[in-house]
C-alpha atoms as a PDB file:
ATOM      1  CA  MET A   1     -18.239   7.139   4.245  1.00  0.00           C
ATOM      2  CA  LYS A   2     -16.606   3.715   4.105  1.00  0.00           C
ATOM      3  CA  LYS A   3     -13.969   3.040   6.740  1.00  0.00           C
ATOM      4  CA  TYR A   4     -10.905   0.882   6.390  1.00  0.00           C
ATOM      5  CA  GLU A   5      -8.466  -0.897   8.618  1.00  0.00           C
ATOM      6  CA  VAL A   6      -4.854  -1.092   7.406  1.00  0.00           C
ATOM      7  CA  GLU A   7      -3.024  -4.325   8.204  1.00  0.00           C
ATOM      8  CA  ILE A   8       0.730  -4.332   7.623  1.00  0.00           C
ATOM      9  CA  THR A   9       2.460  -7.607   6.769  1.00  0.00           C
ATOM     10  CA  GLU A  10       5.965  -8.475   7.984  1.00  0.00           C
ATOM     11  CA  GLU A  11       7.364  -7.728   4.519  1.00  0.00           C
ATOM     12  CA  ALA A  12       5.809  -4.242   4.457  1.00  0.00           C
ATOM     13  CA  GLU A  13       6.903  -3.636   8.057  1.00  0.00           C
ATOM     14  CA  ALA A  14      10.501  -4.533   7.143  1.00  0.00           C
ATOM     15  CA  PHE A  15      10.354  -2.039   4.258  1.00  0.00           C
ATOM     16  CA  LEU A  16       9.042   0.699   6.567  1.00  0.00           C
ATOM     17  CA  GLU A  17      11.812   0.018   9.078  1.00  0.00           C
ATOM     18  CA  GLU A  18      14.446   0.571   6.372  1.00  0.00           C
ATOM     19  CA  LEU A  19      13.112   4.047   5.543  1.00  0.00           C
ATOM     20  CA  LYS A  20      14.187   7.328   7.064  1.00  0.00           C
ATOM     21  CA  GLU A  21      11.976   8.458   9.922  1.00  0.00           C
ATOM     22  CA  SER A  22      10.448  11.269   7.818  1.00  0.00           C
ATOM     23  CA  SER A  23       9.354   8.788   5.124  1.00  0.00           C
ATOM     24  CA  ARG A  24       8.010   6.338   7.698  1.00  0.00           C
ATOM     25  CA  LYS A  25       5.961   9.133   9.314  1.00  0.00           C
ATOM     26  CA  LYS A  26       4.506  10.096   5.944  1.00  0.00           C
ATOM     27  CA  PHE A  27       3.344   6.517   5.344  1.00  0.00           C
ATOM     28  CA  ILE A  28       1.793   6.379   8.822  1.00  0.00           C
ATOM     29  CA  LYS A  29      -0.055   9.618   8.069  1.00  0.00           C
ATOM     30  CA  VAL A  30      -1.350   8.188   4.768  1.00  0.00           C
ATOM     31  CA  PHE A  31      -2.447   4.957   6.503  1.00  0.00           C
ATOM     32  CA  SER A  32      -4.383   7.049   9.057  1.00  0.00           C
ATOM     33  CA  LYS A  33      -6.064   9.173   6.369  1.00  0.00           C
ATOM     34  CA  VAL A  34      -7.113   6.087   4.413  1.00  0.00           C
ATOM     35  CA  GLU A  35      -8.451   4.375   7.555  1.00  0.00           C
ATOM     36  CA  LEU A  36     -10.690   7.388   8.106  1.00  0.00           C
ATOM     37  CA  GLY A  37     -11.937   7.178   4.511  1.00  0.00           C
ATOM     38  CA  PHE A  38     -10.084  10.238   3.232  1.00  0.00           C
ATOM     39  CA  ILE A  39      -8.667   8.652   0.106  1.00  0.00           C
ATOM     40  CA  THR A  40      -7.026  10.591  -2.697  1.00  0.00           C
ATOM     41  CA  LYS A  41      -5.244   9.169  -5.725  1.00  0.00           C
ATOM     42  CA  ASP A  42      -2.095  10.921  -4.502  1.00  0.00           C
ATOM     43  CA  ASP A  43      -2.141   8.785  -1.342  1.00  0.00           C
ATOM     44  CA  PHE A  44      -3.746   5.484  -2.350  1.00  0.00           C
ATOM     45  CA  LYS A  45      -4.312   4.435  -5.946  1.00  0.00           C
ATOM     46  CA  LYS A  46      -5.426   1.315  -7.814  1.00  0.00           C
ATOM     47  CA  LEU A  47      -2.861  -0.058 -10.256  1.00  0.00           C
ATOM     48  CA  LYS A  48      -4.185   0.035 -13.814  1.00  0.00           C
ATOM     49  CA  GLY A  49      -4.768  -3.360 -15.359  1.00  0.00           C
ATOM     50  CA  GLU A  50      -4.350  -5.220 -12.070  1.00  0.00           C
ATOM     51  CA  ASP A  51      -7.078  -7.033 -10.156  1.00  0.00           C
ATOM     52  CA  ASN A  52      -7.358  -5.580  -6.631  1.00  0.00           C
ATOM     53  CA  LEU A  53      -3.778  -4.337  -6.443  1.00  0.00           C
ATOM     54  CA  TRP A  54      -3.341  -0.876  -4.986  1.00  0.00           C
ATOM     55  CA  GLU A  55      -0.442   1.234  -3.786  1.00  0.00           C
ATOM     56  CA  PHE A  56       0.093   3.644  -0.939  1.00  0.00           C
ATOM     57  CA  ARG A  57       2.155   6.532  -2.303  1.00  0.00           C
ATOM     58  CA  ILE A  58       4.438   9.080  -0.677  1.00  0.00           C
ATOM     59  CA  GLN A  59       7.213  11.415  -1.766  1.00  0.00           C
ATOM     60  CA  ASP A  60      10.041  12.430   0.544  1.00  0.00           C
ATOM     61  CA  ASN A  61      13.033  14.539  -0.517  1.00  0.00           C
ATOM     62  CA  ASN A  62      12.373  14.047  -4.260  1.00  0.00           C
ATOM     63  CA  THR A  63      12.143  10.264  -3.844  1.00  0.00           C
ATOM     64  CA  TRP A  64       8.926   8.342  -4.420  1.00  0.00           C
ATOM     65  CA  TYR A  65       8.080   5.333  -2.284  1.00  0.00           C
ATOM     66  CA  ARG A  66       5.257   2.858  -2.765  1.00  0.00           C
ATOM     67  CA  ILE A  67       3.719   0.096  -0.693  1.00  0.00           C
ATOM     68  CA  PHE A  68       1.529  -2.393  -2.551  1.00  0.00           C
ATOM     69  CA  ALA A  69      -1.743  -3.424  -0.960  1.00  0.00           C
ATOM     70  CA  PHE A  70      -5.027  -5.182  -1.633  1.00  0.00           C
ATOM     71  CA  ILE A  71      -8.492  -4.845  -0.118  1.00  0.00           C
ATOM     72  CA  ILE A  72     -10.446  -7.548   1.687  1.00  0.00           C
ATOM     73  CA  ASN A  73     -14.114  -6.817   2.258  1.00  0.00           C
ATOM     74  CA  GLU A  74     -15.281  -9.885   4.109  1.00  0.00           C
ATOM     75  CA  GLY A  75     -19.001 -10.302   3.608  1.00  0.00           C
ATOM     76  CA  GLY A  76     -19.614  -6.635   2.842  1.00  0.00           C
ATOM     77  CA  LYS A  77     -18.718  -5.482   6.358  1.00  0.00           C
ATOM     78  CA  GLU A  78     -18.764  -1.750   7.012  1.00  0.00           C
ATOM     79  CA  ILE A  79     -15.028  -1.774   7.642  1.00  0.00           C
ATOM     80  CA  ALA A  80     -12.866  -3.271   4.906  1.00  0.00           C
ATOM     81  CA  THR A  81      -9.294  -4.400   5.528  1.00  0.00           C
ATOM     82  CA  ILE A  82      -6.474  -3.064   3.393  1.00  0.00           C
ATOM     83  CA  VAL A  83      -3.454  -5.362   3.558  1.00  0.00           C
ATOM     84  CA  ALA A  84      -0.112  -3.621   2.913  1.00  0.00           C
ATOM     85  CA  ILE A  85       2.130  -6.329   1.467  1.00  0.00           C
ATOM     86  CA  ASN A  86       5.461  -4.931   0.259  1.00  0.00           C
ATOM     87  CA  GLY A  87       7.192  -1.701  -0.624  1.00  0.00           C
ATOM     88  CA  TYR A  88       9.781  -0.307  -2.966  1.00  0.00           C
ATOM     89  CA  ASN A  89      11.557   2.891  -3.990  1.00  0.00           C
ATOM     90  CA  LYS A  90      10.039   4.090  -7.276  1.00  0.00           C
ATOM     91  CA  LYS A  91      12.890   5.297  -9.466  1.00  0.00           C
ATOM     92  CA  GLY A  92      11.188   5.834 -12.834  1.00  0.00           C
ATOM     93  CA  ASP A  93       7.831   6.592 -14.379  1.00  0.00           C
ATOM     94  CA  LYS A  94       6.803   2.955 -14.741  1.00  0.00           C
ATOM     95  CA  THR A  95       6.226   0.547 -11.903  1.00  0.00           C
ATOM     96  CA  PRO A  96       8.750  -2.270 -12.396  1.00  0.00           C
ATOM     97  CA  SER A  97       7.005  -5.483 -13.467  1.00  0.00           C
ATOM     98  CA  SER A  98       9.237  -7.435 -11.050  1.00  0.00           C
ATOM     99  CA  GLU A  99       7.749  -5.442  -8.142  1.00  0.00           C
ATOM    100  CA  ILE A 100       4.199  -6.072  -9.403  1.00  0.00           C
ATOM    101  CA  GLU A 101       4.890  -9.808  -9.721  1.00  0.00           C
ATOM    102  CA  LYS A 102       6.360  -9.891  -6.212  1.00  0.00           C
ATOM    103  CA  ALA A 103       3.245  -8.138  -4.867  1.00  0.00           C
ATOM    104  CA  LYS A 104       0.956 -10.612  -6.662  1.00  0.00           C
ATOM    105  CA  ARG A 105       2.910 -13.553  -5.228  1.00  0.00           C
ATOM    106  CA  LEU A 106       2.777 -12.113  -1.676  1.00  0.00           C
ATOM    107  CA  LYS A 107      -0.938 -11.371  -2.047  1.00  0.00           C
ATOM    108  CA  LYS A 108      -1.594 -14.952  -3.163  1.00  0.00           C
ATOM    109  CA  GLU A 109       0.463 -16.313  -0.230  1.00  0.00           C
ATOM    110  CA  PHE A 110      -1.426 -14.116   2.225  1.00  0.00           C
ATOM    111  CA  ILE A 111      -4.829 -15.181   0.932  1.00  0.00           C
ATOM    112  CA  SER A 112      -4.041 -18.935   0.999  1.00  0.00           C
END
């Protein structure tokens, strides 16, 4: 089973700090599950139509929260790095394009 390491950027960390403790704990639990290779589409899912853009997903008190991420697998190492780049409160069925564009920009900045 492939293992992962989750790296949290300052932007994602700032988002987590704004959340209620219960929501923050749920994200930490999801990060831990993913690091161990226990990945479900309810917890961590690839965004359709996007190149290497994923989202960590939680629900807390009827509110959905997402943190965008991308995967770096340097040289096919056994442990890949998942970089959590930014988060948002999902209010509707569709992911806002402005949030996707922000995630793409942050991903590009991180990689360069």
